[in-house]
Amino acid sequence: MKKLIYIAICLFLLVGLNACGGENKVKKENEASKDEVKTATVPEYKVLDFIQADISAYETDKDGFITIFDGKTFTGWRGYGREEIPAKWTIEDGAIKFNGTGEGEAQEKDGGDLIFAHKFKNFEFEIEWKASKGGNSGLFYLAQEVENQPIYISAPEYQLLDNENHPDAKQGVDGNRQAGSLYDMIPAKPQNAKPYGEWNKTSITVYKGSIFHKQNGQTVVEYHLWTPQWTEMLQNSKFSQEKWPLAFELLNNCGGENRDGYIGLQDHGDDFWFRNIKIKILE
């Protein structure tokens, strides 16, 4: 009888241990599944490699600024991810104009973003811009050309907007979608953009990861790339590792291995004008 009781106790303990082991196994599998979500796999991608414009062929003024738009031709410019100029981009009264469709950023085949075909590393970029009523656009810098992906997947965006008439000005957090802002991340302060139909002056300085946005003569944004703070900003945006792993990978390593990239003008579907475009290379 004692022997039977002993065997029964052993069987009970053995079943209990197996059950506990099963529960632990399920728990570990669940934790592993959560970790997989947190570290989403970055899909494969291809960076395009087109011929670069010869920057030495452009006029340089006494202050070291290189004029990259002569007011007459698209020399040195092309569409993002293509070799030609999209037909929606024209030259009007000494300015580059995007001719909007009124359909927002639902780009048509003859639209698309415009870039200057030379990668810059450390620089001071200047441009003047004018919005149509309710107009929306943007300036990209340190952009890579990633096949079948939009330009903003790899490039910070200096927001251009008619703050008074475009609803995006009231979206985001604390005005971080208004003109001059690092789009959807850092608001431009003070907010000093001029109304639609008037020319604004923008300056973007990139120097060893330090970034400065100026709008109409005032510094409105300052931040630093390739830092824990930059990674945190991305994680709190639509480009987080969980939401968009490829964008997070590219933006977190903005500029790629060489820390350089293209300047881009955005097609957001609205009439927009750009002029007096120049850049100073910083050593």
C-alpha atoms as a PDB file:
ATOM      1  CA  MET A   1       0.000   0.000   0.000  1.00  0.00           C
ATOM      2  CA  LYS A   2       2.821   2.405   0.955  1.00  0.00           C
ATOM      3  CA  LYS A   3       4.506   1.559  -2.347  1.00  0.00           C
ATOM      4  CA  LEU A   4       1.367   2.492  -4.322  1.00  0.00           C
ATOM      5  CA  ILE A   5       1.014   5.790  -2.465  1.00  0.00           C
ATOM      6  CA  TYR A   6       4.689   6.584  -3.175  1.00  0.00           C
ATOM      7  CA  ILE A   7       4.227   5.883  -6.921  1.00  0.00           C
ATOM      8  CA  ALA A   8       1.103   8.084  -7.016  1.00  0.00           C
ATOM      9  CA  ILE A   9       2.943  10.985  -5.367  1.00  0.00           C
ATOM     10  CA  CYS A  10       5.820  10.683  -7.858  1.00  0.00           C
ATOM     11  CA  LEU A  11       3.409  10.707 -10.802  1.00  0.00           C
ATOM     12  CA  PHE A  12       1.632  13.781  -9.398  1.00  0.00           C
ATOM     13  CA  LEU A  13       4.924  15.666  -8.999  1.00  0.00           C
ATOM     14  CA  LEU A  14       6.067  14.675 -12.490  1.00  0.00           C
ATOM     15  CA  VAL A  15       2.849  15.927 -14.118  1.00  0.00           C
ATOM     16  CA  GLY A  16       3.052  19.156 -12.106  1.00  0.00           C
ATOM     17  CA  LEU A  17       6.629  19.833 -13.174  1.00  0.00           C
ATOM     18  CA  ASN A  18       5.759  19.220 -16.820  1.00  0.00           C
ATOM     19  CA  ALA A  19       2.826  21.583 -16.517  1.00  0.00           C
ATOM     20  CA  CYS A  20       5.010  24.268 -14.990  1.00  0.00           C
ATOM     21  CA  GLY A  21       7.602  23.703 -17.672  1.00  0.00           C
ATOM     22  CA  GLY A  22       4.895  24.061 -20.321  1.00  0.00           C
ATOM     23  CA  GLU A  23       3.680  27.316 -18.802  1.00  0.00           C
ATOM     24  CA  ASN A  24       7.238  28.684 -18.684  1.00  0.00           C
ATOM     25  CA  LYS A  25       7.774  27.668 -22.290  1.00  0.00           C
ATOM     26  CA  VAL A  26       4.587  29.480 -23.389  1.00  0.00           C
ATOM     27  CA  LYS A  27       5.606  32.532 -21.344  1.00  0.00           C
ATOM     28  CA  LYS A  28       9.057  32.600 -22.958  1.00  0.00           C
ATOM     29  CA  GLU A  29       7.530  32.211 -26.433  1.00  0.00           C
ATOM     30  CA  ASN A  30       5.164  35.123 -25.753  1.00  0.00           C
ATOM     31  CA  GLU A  31       8.051  37.301 -24.563  1.00  0.00           C
ATOM     32  CA  ALA A  32      10.054  36.388 -27.667  1.00  0.00           C
ATOM     33  CA  SER A  33       7.071  37.314 -29.836  1.00  0.00           C
ATOM     34  CA  LYS A  34       6.897  40.740 -28.164  1.00  0.00           C
ATOM     35  CA  ASP A  35      10.622  41.242 -28.767  1.00  0.00           C
ATOM     36  CA  GLU A  36      10.107  40.467 -32.451  1.00  0.00           C
ATOM     37  CA  VAL A  37       7.483  43.225 -32.665  1.00  0.00           C
ATOM     38  CA  LYS A  38       9.809  45.692 -30.953  1.00  0.00           C
ATOM     39  CA  THR A  39      12.681  44.932 -33.322  1.00  0.00           C
ATOM     40  CA  ALA A  40      10.820  44.751 -36.620  1.00  0.00           C
ATOM     41  CA  THR A  41      12.902  43.512 -39.516  1.00  0.00           C
ATOM     42  CA  VAL A  42      14.162  46.176 -41.912  1.00  0.00           C
ATOM     43  CA  PRO A  43      13.207  45.165 -45.466  1.00  0.00           C
ATOM     44  CA  GLU A  44      15.820  45.075 -48.182  1.00  0.00           C
ATOM     45  CA  TYR A  45      16.247  48.292 -50.149  1.00  0.00           C
ATOM     46  CA  LYS A  46      18.359  49.709 -52.964  1.00  0.00           C
ATOM     47  CA  VAL A  47      19.971  53.154 -53.029  1.00  0.00           C
ATOM     48  CA  LEU A  48      20.150  54.524 -56.574  1.00  0.00           C
ATOM     49  CA  ASP A  49      23.397  55.948 -57.892  1.00  0.00           C
ATOM     50  CA  PHE A  50      22.974  58.526 -60.665  1.00  0.00           C
ATOM     51  CA  ILE A  51      25.708  60.763 -62.115  1.00  0.00           C
ATOM     52  CA  GLN A  52      26.489  63.782 -59.931  1.00  0.00           C
ATOM     53  CA  ALA A  53      26.421  67.370 -61.179  1.00  0.00           C
ATOM     54  CA  ASP A  54      29.866  69.013 -61.381  1.00  0.00           C
ATOM     55  CA  ILE A  55      29.590  71.690 -58.709  1.00  0.00           C
ATOM     56  CA  SER A  56      32.796  73.408 -59.884  1.00  0.00           C
ATOM     57  CA  ALA A  57      30.952  74.525 -63.043  1.00  0.00           C
ATOM     58  CA  TYR A  58      28.622  76.826 -61.077  1.00  0.00           C
ATOM     59  CA  GLU A  59      29.133  80.485 -60.247  1.00  0.00           C
ATOM     60  CA  THR A  60      30.444  81.302 -56.762  1.00  0.00           C
ATOM     61  CA  ASP A  61      30.026  84.749 -55.165  1.00  0.00           C
ATOM     62  CA  LYS A  62      32.474  86.635 -52.929  1.00  0.00           C
ATOM     63  CA  ASP A  63      30.961  85.077 -49.794  1.00  0.00           C
ATOM     64  CA  GLY A  64      31.497  81.544 -51.061  1.00  0.00           C
ATOM     65  CA  PHE A  65      27.885  80.806 -52.021  1.00  0.00           C
ATOM     66  CA  ILE A  66      27.367  78.720 -55.152  1.00  0.00           C
ATOM     67  CA  THR A  67      24.319  79.598 -57.248  1.00  0.00           C
ATOM     68  CA  ILE A  68      22.645  76.283 -58.121  1.00  0.00           C
ATOM     69  CA  PHE A  69      19.673  77.771 -59.983  1.00  0.00           C
ATOM     70  CA  ASP A  70      20.354  80.452 -62.606  1.00  0.00           C
ATOM     71  CA  GLY A  71      16.724  81.579 -62.904  1.00  0.00           C
ATOM     72  CA  LYS A  72      16.491  80.361 -66.499  1.00  0.00           C
ATOM     73  CA  THR A  73      17.295  76.651 -66.768  1.00  0.00           C
ATOM     74  CA  PHE A  74      17.102  73.408 -64.797  1.00  0.00           C
ATOM     75  CA  THR A  75      20.804  72.698 -65.303  1.00  0.00           C
ATOM     76  CA  GLY A  76      21.894  70.312 -62.534  1.00  0.00           C
ATOM     77  CA  TRP A  77      18.351  69.508 -61.445  1.00  0.00           C
ATOM     78  CA  ARG A  78      16.257  66.378 -62.027  1.00  0.00           C
ATOM     79  CA  GLY A  79      13.360  64.448 -60.574  1.00  0.00           C
ATOM     80  CA  TYR A  80      13.885  62.343 -57.473  1.00  0.00           C
ATOM     81  CA  GLY A  81      14.632  58.795 -58.603  1.00  0.00           C
ATOM     82  CA  ARG A  82      14.719  59.714 -62.289  1.00  0.00           C
ATOM     83  CA  GLU A  83      16.958  61.429 -64.827  1.00  0.00           C
ATOM     84  CA  GLU A  84      14.458  63.949 -66.248  1.00  0.00           C
ATOM     85  CA  ILE A  85      12.505  66.940 -64.897  1.00  0.00           C
ATOM     86  CA  PRO A  86       8.852  66.060 -64.098  1.00  0.00           C
ATOM     87  CA  ALA A  87       6.563  68.135 -66.334  1.00  0.00           C
ATOM     88  CA  LYS A  88       4.744  69.759 -63.405  1.00  0.00           C
ATOM     89  CA  TRP A  89       7.920  71.717 -62.615  1.00  0.00           C
ATOM     90  CA  THR A  90       8.459  74.840 -64.754  1.00  0.00           C
ATOM     91  CA  ILE A  91      10.390  78.121 -64.620  1.00  0.00           C
ATOM     92  CA  GLU A  92       8.374  81.310 -64.238  1.00  0.00           C
ATOM     93  CA  ASP A  93       9.749  84.856 -63.800  1.00  0.00           C
ATOM     94  CA  GLY A  94      13.136  83.646 -62.566  1.00  0.00           C
ATOM     95  CA  ALA A  95      11.657  81.103 -60.142  1.00  0.00           C
ATOM     96  CA  ILE A  96      11.139  77.353 -60.125  1.00  0.00           C
ATOM     97  CA  LYS A  97       7.407  76.704 -59.943  1.00  0.00           C
ATOM     98  CA  PHE A  98       5.508  73.574 -59.078  1.00  0.00           C
ATOM     99  CA  ASN A  99       2.167  73.629 -60.854  1.00  0.00           C
ATOM    100  CA  GLY A 100      -0.311  72.063 -58.477  1.00  0.00           C
ATOM    101  CA  THR A 101      -3.221  69.820 -59.287  1.00  0.00           C
ATOM    102  CA  GLY A 102      -5.212  70.575 -56.151  1.00  0.00           C
ATOM    103  CA  GLU A 103      -5.066  66.878 -55.263  1.00  0.00           C
ATOM    104  CA  GLY A 104      -2.602  67.201 -52.377  1.00  0.00           C
ATOM    105  CA  GLU A 105       0.323  64.790 -52.362  1.00  0.00           C
ATOM    106  CA  ALA A 106      -1.411  62.233 -54.568  1.00  0.00           C
ATOM    107  CA  GLN A 107       1.298  62.728 -57.187  1.00  0.00           C
ATOM    108  CA  GLU A 108       0.522  62.298 -60.863  1.00  0.00           C
ATOM    109  CA  LYS A 109       2.948  60.667 -63.267  1.00  0.00           C
ATOM    110  CA  ASP A 110       4.183  64.074 -64.487  1.00  0.00           C
ATOM    111  CA  GLY A 111       4.746  65.243 -60.900  1.00  0.00           C
ATOM    112  CA  GLY A 112       7.183  64.162 -58.198  1.00  0.00           C
ATOM    113  CA  ASP A 113       9.859  65.763 -56.062  1.00  0.00           C
ATOM    114  CA  LEU A 114      12.780  67.729 -57.517  1.00  0.00           C
ATOM    115  CA  ILE A 115      16.419  67.467 -56.403  1.00  0.00           C
ATOM    116  CA  PHE A 116      19.712  69.149 -57.200  1.00  0.00           C
ATOM    117  CA  ALA A 117      21.918  66.337 -58.490  1.00  0.00           C
ATOM    118  CA  HIS A 118      24.869  66.696 -56.133  1.00  0.00           C
ATOM    119  CA  LYS A 119      25.332  65.326 -52.623  1.00  0.00           C
ATOM    120  CA  PHE A 120      26.354  67.825 -49.939  1.00  0.00           C
ATOM    121  CA  LYS A 121      27.796  67.058 -46.502  1.00  0.00           C
ATOM    122  CA  ASN A 122      28.451  70.208 -44.441  1.00  0.00           C
ATOM    123  CA  PHE A 123      26.783  73.284 -45.905  1.00  0.00           C
ATOM    124  CA  GLU A 124      24.703  76.410 -45.561  1.00  0.00           C
ATOM    125  CA  PHE A 125      21.746  76.364 -47.948  1.00  0.00           C
ATOM    126  CA  GLU A 126      19.653  79.434 -48.821  1.00  0.00           C
ATOM    127  CA  ILE A 127      16.407  79.701 -50.753  1.00  0.00           C
ATOM    128  CA  GLU A 128      13.381  81.960 -51.078  1.00  0.00           C
ATOM    129  CA  TRP A 129       9.902  80.467 -51.335  1.00  0.00           C
ATOM    130  CA  LYS A 130       6.334  81.579 -51.839  1.00  0.00           C
ATOM    131  CA  ALA A 131       3.144  79.609 -51.179  1.00  0.00           C
ATOM    132  CA  SER A 132      -0.191  79.747 -52.946  1.00  0.00           C
ATOM    133  CA  LYS A 133      -3.300  80.069 -50.760  1.00  0.00           C
ATOM    134  CA  GLY A 134      -3.461  76.901 -48.679  1.00  0.00           C
ATOM    135  CA  GLY A 135      -0.160  75.780 -50.204  1.00  0.00           C
ATOM    136  CA  ASN A 136       1.986  72.992 -48.735  1.00  0.00           C
ATOM    137  CA  SER A 137       5.528  71.942 -49.659  1.00  0.00           C
ATOM    138  CA  GLY A 138       8.844  71.110 -48.032  1.00  0.00           C
ATOM    139  CA  LEU A 139      12.622  71.224 -48.276  1.00  0.00           C
ATOM    140  CA  PHE A 140      14.574  67.994 -47.831  1.00  0.00           C
ATOM    141  CA  TYR A 141      18.260  67.677 -47.028  1.00  0.00           C
ATOM    142  CA  LEU A 142      20.770  64.811 -46.742  1.00  0.00           C
ATOM    143  CA  ALA A 143      18.346  62.784 -48.871  1.00  0.00           C
ATOM    144  CA  GLN A 144      19.208  59.405 -50.383  1.00  0.00           C
ATOM    145  CA  GLU A 145      17.482  58.058 -53.484  1.00  0.00           C
ATOM    146  CA  VAL A 146      15.902  54.810 -52.340  1.00  0.00           C
ATOM    147  CA  GLU A 147      14.300  52.820 -55.123  1.00  0.00           C
ATOM    148  CA  ASN A 148      10.467  52.832 -55.039  1.00  0.00           C
ATOM    149  CA  GLN A 149      10.401  54.850 -51.820  1.00  0.00           C
ATOM    150  CA  PRO A 150       9.470  58.522 -51.159  1.00  0.00           C
ATOM    151  CA  ILE A 151      12.206  61.067 -50.499  1.00  0.00           C
ATOM    152  CA  TYR A 152      11.084  61.704 -46.915  1.00  0.00           C
ATOM    153  CA  ILE A 153      11.913  58.125 -45.925  1.00  0.00           C
ATOM    154  CA  SER A 154      15.569  59.159 -45.659  1.00  0.00           C
ATOM    155  CA  ALA A 155      15.614  62.969 -45.295  1.00  0.00           C
ATOM    156  CA  PRO A 156      14.662  65.477 -42.589  1.00  0.00           C
ATOM    157  CA  GLU A 157      12.047  67.956 -43.815  1.00  0.00           C
ATOM    158  CA  TYR A 158      11.947  71.725 -43.357  1.00  0.00           C
ATOM    159  CA  GLN A 159       8.212  72.377 -43.569  1.00  0.00           C
ATOM    160  CA  LEU A 160       6.874  74.998 -46.000  1.00  0.00           C
ATOM    161  CA  LEU A 161       3.249  76.007 -45.495  1.00  0.00           C
ATOM    162  CA  ASP A 162       0.591  78.668 -45.704  1.00  0.00           C
ATOM    163  CA  ASN A 163      -0.042  78.526 -41.953  1.00  0.00           C
ATOM    164  CA  GLU A 164      -3.228  80.562 -42.088  1.00  0.00           C
ATOM    165  CA  ASN A 165      -5.110  78.481 -44.640  1.00  0.00           C
ATOM    166  CA  HIS A 166      -3.757  74.925 -44.606  1.00  0.00           C
ATOM    167  CA  PRO A 167      -5.286  72.658 -41.916  1.00  0.00           C
ATOM    168  CA  ASP A 168      -1.972  70.857 -41.333  1.00  0.00           C
ATOM    169  CA  ALA A 169      -0.797  73.939 -39.412  1.00  0.00           C
ATOM    170  CA  LYS A 170      -3.148  72.966 -36.593  1.00  0.00           C
ATOM    171  CA  GLN A 171      -2.159  69.285 -36.571  1.00  0.00           C
ATOM    172  CA  GLY A 172       0.831  67.664 -34.926  1.00  0.00           C
ATOM    173  CA  VAL A 173       2.106  68.875 -31.537  1.00  0.00           C
ATOM    174  CA  ASP A 174       2.736  72.470 -30.479  1.00  0.00           C
ATOM    175  CA  GLY A 175       2.855  73.731 -34.076  1.00  0.00           C
ATOM    176  CA  ASN A 176       5.469  71.253 -35.309  1.00  0.00           C
ATOM    177  CA  ARG A 177       3.833  71.140 -38.754  1.00  0.00           C
ATOM    178  CA  GLN A 178       3.979  74.886 -39.371  1.00  0.00           C
ATOM    179  CA  ALA A 179       6.437  76.645 -41.674  1.00  0.00           C
ATOM    180  CA  GLY A 180      10.093  76.360 -40.688  1.00  0.00           C
ATOM    181  CA  SER A 181       9.550  73.354 -38.418  1.00  0.00           C
ATOM    182  CA  LEU A 182      11.390  70.066 -38.551  1.00  0.00           C
ATOM    183  CA  TYR A 183       8.236  68.425 -39.847  1.00  0.00           C
ATOM    184  CA  ASP A 184       6.224  66.607 -37.181  1.00  0.00           C
ATOM    185  CA  MET A 185       9.104  66.719 -34.677  1.00  0.00           C
ATOM    186  CA  ILE A 186      10.286  70.227 -33.659  1.00  0.00           C
ATOM    187  CA  PRO A 187       8.132  73.378 -33.989  1.00  0.00           C
ATOM    188  CA  ALA A 188       9.632  76.547 -35.470  1.00  0.00           C
ATOM    189  CA  LYS A 189       9.830  79.209 -32.756  1.00  0.00           C
ATOM    190  CA  PRO A 190       9.296  82.067 -33.125  1.00  0.00           C
ATOM    191  CA  GLN A 191       6.767  81.425 -35.892  1.00  0.00           C
ATOM    192  CA  ASN A 192       7.487  84.253 -38.324  1.00  0.00           C
ATOM    193  CA  ALA A 193       6.375  82.961 -41.744  1.00  0.00           C
ATOM    194  CA  LYS A 194       4.837  85.527 -44.104  1.00  0.00           C
ATOM    195  CA  PRO A 195       1.340  85.067 -45.570  1.00  0.00           C
ATOM    196  CA  TYR A 196       0.729  83.249 -48.836  1.00  0.00           C
ATOM    197  CA  GLY A 197       1.750  85.222 -51.903  1.00  0.00           C
ATOM    198  CA  GLU A 198       4.740  86.811 -50.113  1.00  0.00           C
ATOM    199  CA  TRP A 199       8.352  85.673 -50.356  1.00  0.00           C
ATOM    200  CA  ASN A 200       9.990  84.014 -47.353  1.00  0.00           C
ATOM    201  CA  LYS A 201      13.714  83.425 -46.917  1.00  0.00           C
ATOM    202  CA  THR A 202      15.002  80.107 -45.585  1.00  0.00           C
ATOM    203  CA  SER A 203      18.452  79.027 -44.470  1.00  0.00           C
ATOM    204  CA  ILE A 204      19.414  75.480 -43.489  1.00  0.00           C
ATOM    205  CA  THR A 205      22.840  74.838 -41.974  1.00  0.00           C
ATOM    206  CA  VAL A 206      24.200  71.301 -41.629  1.00  0.00           C
ATOM    207  CA  TYR A 207      27.544  70.982 -39.878  1.00  0.00           C
ATOM    208  CA  LYS A 208      28.822  67.696 -38.448  1.00  0.00           C
ATOM    209  CA  GLY A 209      25.343  66.713 -37.351  1.00  0.00           C
ATOM    210  CA  SER A 210      24.306  70.079 -35.928  1.00  0.00           C
ATOM    211  CA  ILE A 211      21.267  71.431 -37.776  1.00  0.00           C
ATOM    212  CA  PHE A 212      19.899  74.970 -37.783  1.00  0.00           C
ATOM    213  CA  HIS A 213      16.706  76.161 -39.502  1.00  0.00           C
ATOM    214  CA  LYS A 214      16.412  79.891 -40.127  1.00  0.00           C
ATOM    215  CA  GLN A 215      13.262  81.597 -41.343  1.00  0.00           C
ATOM    216  CA  ASN A 216      13.240  85.241 -42.412  1.00  0.00           C
ATOM    217  CA  GLY A 217      16.507  85.922 -40.600  1.00  0.00           C
ATOM    218  CA  GLN A 218      15.740  84.180 -37.290  1.00  0.00           C
ATOM    219  CA  THR A 219      16.901  80.783 -36.047  1.00  0.00           C
ATOM    220  CA  VAL A 220      13.696  78.834 -35.419  1.00  0.00           C
ATOM    221  CA  VAL A 221      14.921  75.224 -34.983  1.00  0.00           C
ATOM    222  CA  GLU A 222      18.132  73.651 -33.681  1.00  0.00           C
ATOM    223  CA  TYR A 223      18.838  69.951 -33.194  1.00  0.00           C
ATOM    224  CA  HIS A 224      21.548  67.308 -33.590  1.00  0.00           C
ATOM    225  CA  LEU A 225      21.617  64.212 -35.780  1.00  0.00           C
ATOM    226  CA  TRP A 226      23.077  60.815 -34.834  1.00  0.00           C
ATOM    227  CA  THR A 227      22.462  61.291 -31.110  1.00  0.00           C
ATOM    228  CA  PRO A 228      20.256  59.461 -28.574  1.00  0.00           C
ATOM    229  CA  GLN A 229      17.955  62.503 -28.657  1.00  0.00           C
ATOM    230  CA  TRP A 230      17.545  62.156 -32.439  1.00  0.00           C
ATOM    231  CA  THR A 231      16.720  58.462 -32.076  1.00  0.00           C
ATOM    232  CA  GLU A 232      14.166  59.284 -29.375  1.00  0.00           C
ATOM    233  CA  MET A 233      12.500  61.889 -31.607  1.00  0.00           C
ATOM    234  CA  LEU A 234      12.187  59.330 -34.379  1.00  0.00           C
ATOM    235  CA  GLN A 235      10.730  56.772 -31.986  1.00  0.00           C
ATOM    236  CA  ASN A 236       8.059  59.301 -30.990  1.00  0.00           C
ATOM    237  CA  SER A 237       7.148  60.076 -34.610  1.00  0.00           C
ATOM    238  CA  LYS A 238       5.501  58.261 -37.503  1.00  0.00           C
ATOM    239  CA  PHE A 239       8.999  57.045 -38.434  1.00  0.00           C
ATOM    240  CA  SER A 240       9.402  54.870 -35.310  1.00  0.00           C
ATOM    241  CA  GLN A 241      11.035  51.465 -35.492  1.00  0.00           C
ATOM    242  CA  GLU A 242       7.704  49.770 -34.826  1.00  0.00           C
ATOM    243  CA  LYS A 243       5.620  51.763 -37.319  1.00  0.00           C
ATOM    244  CA  TRP A 244       8.080  52.114 -40.190  1.00  0.00           C
ATOM    245  CA  PRO A 245      11.314  50.129 -39.699  1.00  0.00           C
ATOM    246  CA  LEU A 246      12.892  51.132 -43.024  1.00  0.00           C
ATOM    247  CA  ALA A 247      12.318  54.859 -42.433  1.00  0.00           C
ATOM    248  CA  PHE A 248      13.661  54.521 -38.888  1.00  0.00           C
ATOM    249  CA  GLU A 249      16.793  52.769 -40.173  1.00  0.00           C
ATOM    250  CA  LEU A 250      17.476  55.373 -42.869  1.00  0.00           C
ATOM    251  CA  LEU A 251      16.657  58.474 -40.814  1.00  0.00           C
ATOM    252  CA  ASN A 252      18.483  57.250 -37.730  1.00  0.00           C
ATOM    253  CA  ASN A 253      21.564  56.963 -39.973  1.00  0.00           C
ATOM    254  CA  CYS A 254      20.699  60.085 -41.950  1.00  0.00           C
ATOM    255  CA  GLY A 255      23.137  60.812 -44.778  1.00  0.00           C
ATOM    256  CA  GLY A 256      24.297  57.211 -45.058  1.00  0.00           C
ATOM    257  CA  GLU A 257      27.902  56.112 -44.623  1.00  0.00           C
ATOM    258  CA  ASN A 258      29.315  59.365 -46.008  1.00  0.00           C
ATOM    259  CA  ARG A 259      26.947  61.617 -44.003  1.00  0.00           C
ATOM    260  CA  ASP A 260      25.898  63.456 -47.171  1.00  0.00           C
ATOM    261  CA  GLY A 261      22.876  63.689 -49.430  1.00  0.00           C
ATOM    262  CA  TYR A 262      20.669  65.674 -51.819  1.00  0.00           C
ATOM    263  CA  ILE A 263      18.696  68.883 -51.424  1.00  0.00           C
ATOM    264  CA  GLY A 264      15.072  68.350 -52.512  1.00  0.00           C
ATOM    265  CA  LEU A 265      11.944  70.416 -53.257  1.00  0.00           C
ATOM    266  CA  GLN A 266       8.626  68.736 -52.520  1.00  0.00           C
ATOM    267  CA  ASP A 267       5.668  68.133 -54.777  1.00  0.00           C
ATOM    268  CA  HIS A 268       2.739  68.251 -52.372  1.00  0.00           C
ATOM    269  CA  GLY A 269       0.204  68.979 -55.079  1.00  0.00           C
ATOM    270  CA  ASP A 270      -0.059  72.768 -54.564  1.00  0.00           C
ATOM    271  CA  ASP A 271       1.293  75.752 -56.512  1.00  0.00           C
ATOM    272  CA  PHE A 272       4.640  76.761 -55.024  1.00  0.00           C
ATOM    273  CA  TRP A 273       7.570  78.955 -56.098  1.00  0.00           C
ATOM    274  CA  PHE A 274      11.330  78.869 -55.331  1.00  0.00           C
ATOM    275  CA  ARG A 275      14.085  81.320 -56.262  1.00  0.00           C
ATOM    276  CA  ASN A 276      17.560  82.639 -55.299  1.00  0.00           C
ATOM    277  CA  ILE A 277      18.804  79.119 -54.564  1.00  0.00           C
ATOM    278  CA  LYS A 278      22.410  78.862 -53.415  1.00  0.00           C
ATOM    279  CA  ILE A 279      24.669  76.829 -51.177  1.00  0.00           C
ATOM    280  CA  LYS A 280      27.948  77.336 -49.359  1.00  0.00           C
ATOM    281  CA  ILE A 281      30.080  74.268 -48.705  1.00  0.00           C
ATOM    282  CA  LEU A 282      31.488  74.163 -45.160  1.00  0.00           C
ATOM    283  CA  GLU A 283      34.726  72.294 -44.547  1.00  0.00           C
END
